[in-house]
Amino acid sequence: MRGLLEAAFAPASLDVVDDSHRHIGHAGARDGLGHFTIDIVSEAFAGQPPLARHRAVYAALGGMMATDIHALAIRAHTPAERSAG
C-alpha cells in the first residue's frame, strides 16, 4: 500500500495505520480484509476538492481495494494546507 501511494503521489509525508485490530468480528475483518487510516500530504492534491483526492487514492490502490482493504479512512492534504493547520 505504501509503495503504491508513494509512486502515485510522491508524498511529503505518508502515514498508513492498520486499524484492523479494532474491528475484530466485523464482517470485513472476518473475510480477511483490513481497516486502514491513511494520512497523506502531497502537492499532487493541489486544486482538487476532497472527493477528487479520495478517488485518486482509491485509484492508486487499485485492486487492493477489492482484495486487501475493507475500510479506508483518508486524510489527504497539500503541504500548504498541512502547515496552515
N, C-alpha and C. Protein backbone atom coordinates (compact mmCIF):
# COMPACT_ATOMS: atom_id res chain seq x y z
N MET A 1 0.83 -1.18 0.00
CA MET A 1 0.00 0.00 0.00
C MET A 1 0.89 1.25 0.00
N ARG A 2 1.86 1.26 0.88
CA ARG A 2 2.76 2.41 0.97
C ARG A 2 3.46 2.66 -0.36
N GLY A 3 3.96 1.60 -0.98
CA GLY A 3 4.66 1.74 -2.25
C GLY A 3 3.78 2.31 -3.36
N LEU A 4 2.55 1.86 -3.41
CA LEU A 4 1.62 2.36 -4.43
C LEU A 4 1.35 3.84 -4.24
N LEU A 5 1.14 4.25 -2.99
CA LEU A 5 0.85 5.65 -2.70
C LEU A 5 2.08 6.53 -2.94
N GLU A 6 3.25 6.04 -2.59
CA GLU A 6 4.47 6.81 -2.84
C GLU A 6 4.71 6.98 -4.33
N ALA A 7 4.47 5.94 -5.10
CA ALA A 7 4.66 6.03 -6.55
C ALA A 7 3.67 6.99 -7.20
N ALA A 8 2.45 7.01 -6.71
CA ALA A 8 1.41 7.83 -7.33
C ALA A 8 1.48 9.30 -6.93
N PHE A 9 1.90 9.58 -5.69
CA PHE A 9 1.78 10.94 -5.17
C PHE A 9 3.09 11.60 -4.73
N ALA A 10 4.19 10.89 -4.67
CA ALA A 10 5.46 11.44 -4.16
C ALA A 10 5.19 12.29 -2.92
N PRO A 11 4.60 11.69 -1.89
CA PRO A 11 4.15 12.48 -0.74
C PRO A 11 5.29 13.09 0.07
N ALA A 12 5.00 14.27 0.62
CA ALA A 12 5.91 14.92 1.56
C ALA A 12 5.88 14.16 2.89
N SER A 13 4.71 13.60 3.20
CA SER A 13 4.59 12.70 4.35
C SER A 13 3.48 11.71 4.09
N LEU A 14 3.62 10.55 4.68
CA LEU A 14 2.64 9.48 4.50
C LEU A 14 2.64 8.59 5.73
N ASP A 15 1.48 8.48 6.34
CA ASP A 15 1.29 7.56 7.47
C ASP A 15 0.19 6.58 7.08
N VAL A 16 0.47 5.30 7.22
CA VAL A 16 -0.52 4.26 6.97
C VAL A 16 -0.65 3.48 8.27
N VAL A 17 -1.87 3.46 8.81
CA VAL A 17 -2.12 2.79 10.08
C VAL A 17 -3.10 1.65 9.84
N ASP A 18 -2.74 0.47 10.28
CA ASP A 18 -3.62 -0.70 10.19
C ASP A 18 -4.49 -0.71 11.44
N ASP A 19 -5.77 -0.41 11.26
CA ASP A 19 -6.73 -0.36 12.37
C ASP A 19 -7.53 -1.66 12.48
N SER A 20 -7.12 -2.70 11.79
CA SER A 20 -7.90 -3.94 11.72
C SER A 20 -8.18 -4.53 13.09
N HIS A 21 -7.23 -4.42 14.01
CA HIS A 21 -7.41 -4.98 15.35
C HIS A 21 -8.60 -4.36 16.08
N ARG A 22 -9.01 -3.17 15.67
CA ARG A 22 -10.14 -2.50 16.31
C ARG A 22 -11.48 -2.97 15.75
N HIS A 23 -11.44 -3.85 14.74
CA HIS A 23 -12.66 -4.27 14.06
C HIS A 23 -12.83 -5.79 14.06
N ILE A 24 -12.21 -6.46 15.00
CA ILE A 24 -12.34 -7.91 15.09
C ILE A 24 -13.81 -8.28 15.25
N GLY A 25 -14.25 -9.22 14.44
CA GLY A 25 -15.65 -9.64 14.46
C GLY A 25 -16.51 -8.92 13.43
N HIS A 26 -16.04 -7.81 12.91
CA HIS A 26 -16.75 -7.07 11.87
C HIS A 26 -16.74 -7.91 10.59
N ALA A 27 -17.76 -7.79 9.78
CA ALA A 27 -17.89 -8.63 8.58
C ALA A 27 -16.65 -8.57 7.69
N GLY A 28 -16.12 -7.39 7.45
CA GLY A 28 -14.94 -7.27 6.60
C GLY A 28 -13.73 -7.93 7.21
N ALA A 29 -13.61 -7.84 8.54
CA ALA A 29 -12.48 -8.46 9.23
C ALA A 29 -12.57 -9.98 9.14
N ARG A 30 -13.77 -10.51 9.22
CA ARG A 30 -13.95 -11.97 9.11
C ARG A 30 -13.52 -12.48 7.75
N ASP A 31 -13.66 -11.64 6.74
CA ASP A 31 -13.28 -12.03 5.39
C ASP A 31 -11.78 -11.83 5.12
N GLY A 32 -11.06 -11.36 6.12
CA GLY A 32 -9.63 -11.17 5.99
C GLY A 32 -9.20 -9.84 5.40
N LEU A 33 -10.16 -8.95 5.18
CA LEU A 33 -9.83 -7.63 4.64
C LEU A 33 -9.56 -6.67 5.79
N GLY A 34 -8.68 -5.69 5.54
CA GLY A 34 -8.25 -4.80 6.61
C GLY A 34 -8.95 -3.46 6.64
N HIS A 35 -8.81 -2.82 7.79
CA HIS A 35 -9.29 -1.46 8.02
C HIS A 35 -8.05 -0.59 8.19
N PHE A 36 -7.95 0.48 7.41
CA PHE A 36 -6.75 1.31 7.43
C PHE A 36 -7.09 2.78 7.49
N THR A 37 -6.16 3.55 8.04
CA THR A 37 -6.23 5.01 8.01
C THR A 37 -4.99 5.50 7.28
N ILE A 38 -5.19 6.38 6.32
CA ILE A 38 -4.09 6.96 5.56
C ILE A 38 -4.09 8.46 5.79
N ASP A 39 -2.95 8.99 6.16
CA ASP A 39 -2.74 10.43 6.28
C ASP A 39 -1.63 10.77 5.30
N ILE A 40 -1.99 11.46 4.23
CA ILE A 40 -1.04 11.71 3.14
C ILE A 40 -1.00 13.20 2.81
N VAL A 41 0.21 13.70 2.64
CA VAL A 41 0.43 15.10 2.28
C VAL A 41 1.20 15.11 0.97
N SER A 42 0.60 15.72 -0.05
CA SER A 42 1.24 15.73 -1.37
C SER A 42 0.82 16.96 -2.16
N GLU A 43 1.77 17.50 -2.89
CA GLU A 43 1.47 18.61 -3.79
C GLU A 43 0.52 18.17 -4.90
N ALA A 44 0.43 16.87 -5.15
CA ALA A 44 -0.46 16.34 -6.19
C ALA A 44 -1.93 16.66 -5.92
N PHE A 45 -2.26 16.98 -4.68
CA PHE A 45 -3.66 17.27 -4.34
C PHE A 45 -4.03 18.74 -4.54
N ALA A 46 -3.08 19.57 -4.93
CA ALA A 46 -3.35 21.00 -5.12
C ALA A 46 -4.47 21.19 -6.13
N GLY A 47 -5.42 22.03 -5.77
CA GLY A 47 -6.53 22.35 -6.65
C GLY A 47 -7.63 21.31 -6.72
N GLN A 48 -7.49 20.21 -5.98
CA GLN A 48 -8.50 19.15 -6.00
C GLN A 48 -9.40 19.24 -4.77
N PRO A 49 -10.71 19.09 -4.97
CA PRO A 49 -11.59 19.01 -3.81
C PRO A 49 -11.41 17.66 -3.11
N PRO A 50 -11.89 17.55 -1.87
CA PRO A 50 -11.69 16.31 -1.11
C PRO A 50 -12.14 15.04 -1.83
N LEU A 51 -13.28 15.08 -2.50
CA LEU A 51 -13.77 13.87 -3.16
C LEU A 51 -12.80 13.42 -4.26
N ALA A 52 -12.25 14.35 -5.01
CA ALA A 52 -11.30 14.00 -6.06
C ALA A 52 -10.02 13.42 -5.46
N ARG A 53 -9.61 13.93 -4.32
CA ARG A 53 -8.42 13.40 -3.64
C ARG A 53 -8.66 11.96 -3.21
N HIS A 54 -9.82 11.70 -2.64
CA HIS A 54 -10.14 10.34 -2.20
C HIS A 54 -10.20 9.39 -3.40
N ARG A 55 -10.82 9.84 -4.46
CA ARG A 55 -10.89 9.00 -5.67
C ARG A 55 -9.50 8.70 -6.21
N ALA A 56 -8.61 9.68 -6.15
CA ALA A 56 -7.24 9.47 -6.62
C ALA A 56 -6.52 8.43 -5.76
N VAL A 57 -6.75 8.47 -4.45
CA VAL A 57 -6.14 7.47 -3.56
C VAL A 57 -6.70 6.09 -3.87
N TYR A 58 -8.02 5.99 -4.04
CA TYR A 58 -8.62 4.70 -4.38
C TYR A 58 -8.04 4.17 -5.69
N ALA A 59 -7.89 5.04 -6.68
CA ALA A 59 -7.35 4.63 -7.98
C ALA A 59 -5.91 4.15 -7.83
N ALA A 60 -5.13 4.84 -7.02
CA ALA A 60 -3.73 4.45 -6.82
C ALA A 60 -3.63 3.07 -6.17
N LEU A 61 -4.57 2.78 -5.28
CA LEU A 61 -4.54 1.48 -4.60
C LEU A 61 -5.12 0.36 -5.46
N GLY A 62 -5.85 0.72 -6.50
CA GLY A 62 -6.33 -0.24 -7.49
C GLY A 62 -6.96 -1.48 -6.90
N GLY A 63 -6.44 -2.63 -7.28
CA GLY A 63 -7.00 -3.92 -6.88
C GLY A 63 -6.98 -4.17 -5.38
N MET A 64 -6.12 -3.48 -4.65
CA MET A 64 -6.09 -3.69 -3.19
C MET A 64 -7.43 -3.34 -2.55
N MET A 65 -8.18 -2.45 -3.21
CA MET A 65 -9.48 -2.07 -2.65
C MET A 65 -10.44 -3.27 -2.65
N ALA A 66 -10.24 -4.22 -3.52
CA ALA A 66 -11.10 -5.39 -3.59
C ALA A 66 -10.51 -6.59 -2.86
N THR A 67 -9.18 -6.65 -2.76
CA THR A 67 -8.56 -7.86 -2.23
C THR A 67 -8.00 -7.73 -0.82
N ASP A 68 -7.67 -6.52 -0.38
CA ASP A 68 -6.99 -6.36 0.91
C ASP A 68 -7.66 -5.36 1.85
N ILE A 69 -8.45 -4.45 1.30
CA ILE A 69 -8.98 -3.35 2.10
C ILE A 69 -10.50 -3.43 2.18
N HIS A 70 -11.00 -3.44 3.42
CA HIS A 70 -12.45 -3.39 3.63
C HIS A 70 -12.90 -1.96 3.89
N ALA A 71 -12.12 -1.23 4.69
CA ALA A 71 -12.47 0.15 5.04
C ALA A 71 -11.21 1.00 5.01
N LEU A 72 -11.37 2.23 4.53
CA LEU A 72 -10.23 3.12 4.38
C LEU A 72 -10.63 4.52 4.79
N ALA A 73 -9.98 5.05 5.81
CA ALA A 73 -10.17 6.45 6.21
C ALA A 73 -9.01 7.23 5.60
N ILE A 74 -9.32 8.32 4.91
CA ILE A 74 -8.30 9.07 4.19
C ILE A 74 -8.29 10.52 4.66
N ARG A 75 -7.10 10.99 4.99
CA ARG A 75 -6.86 12.41 5.23
C ARG A 75 -5.81 12.80 4.20
N ALA A 76 -6.22 13.60 3.20
CA ALA A 76 -5.33 13.97 2.10
C ALA A 76 -5.24 15.49 2.03
N HIS A 77 -4.01 16.01 2.16
CA HIS A 77 -3.78 17.45 2.19
C HIS A 77 -2.60 17.81 1.31
N THR A 78 -2.52 19.09 0.97
CA THR A 78 -1.32 19.62 0.33
C THR A 78 -0.36 20.05 1.45
N PRO A 79 0.91 20.24 1.14
CA PRO A 79 1.83 20.74 2.16
C PRO A 79 1.40 22.08 2.75
N ALA A 80 0.86 22.98 1.91
CA ALA A 80 0.41 24.28 2.40
C ALA A 80 -0.75 24.13 3.38
N GLU A 81 -1.68 23.24 3.09
CA GLU A 81 -2.81 23.02 3.99
C GLU A 81 -2.34 22.45 5.32
N ARG A 82 -1.38 21.55 5.27
CA ARG A 82 -0.89 20.93 6.49
C ARG A 82 -0.17 21.95 7.37
N SER A 83 0.62 22.83 6.76
CA SER A 83 1.35 23.81 7.55
C SER A 83 0.44 24.90 8.10
N ALA A 84 -0.72 25.10 7.44
CA ALA A 84 -1.67 26.12 7.89
C ALA A 84 -2.53 25.64 9.06
N GLY A 85 -2.57 24.34 9.27
CA GLY A 85 -3.44 23.96 10.37
C GLY A 85 -3.37 22.55 10.64
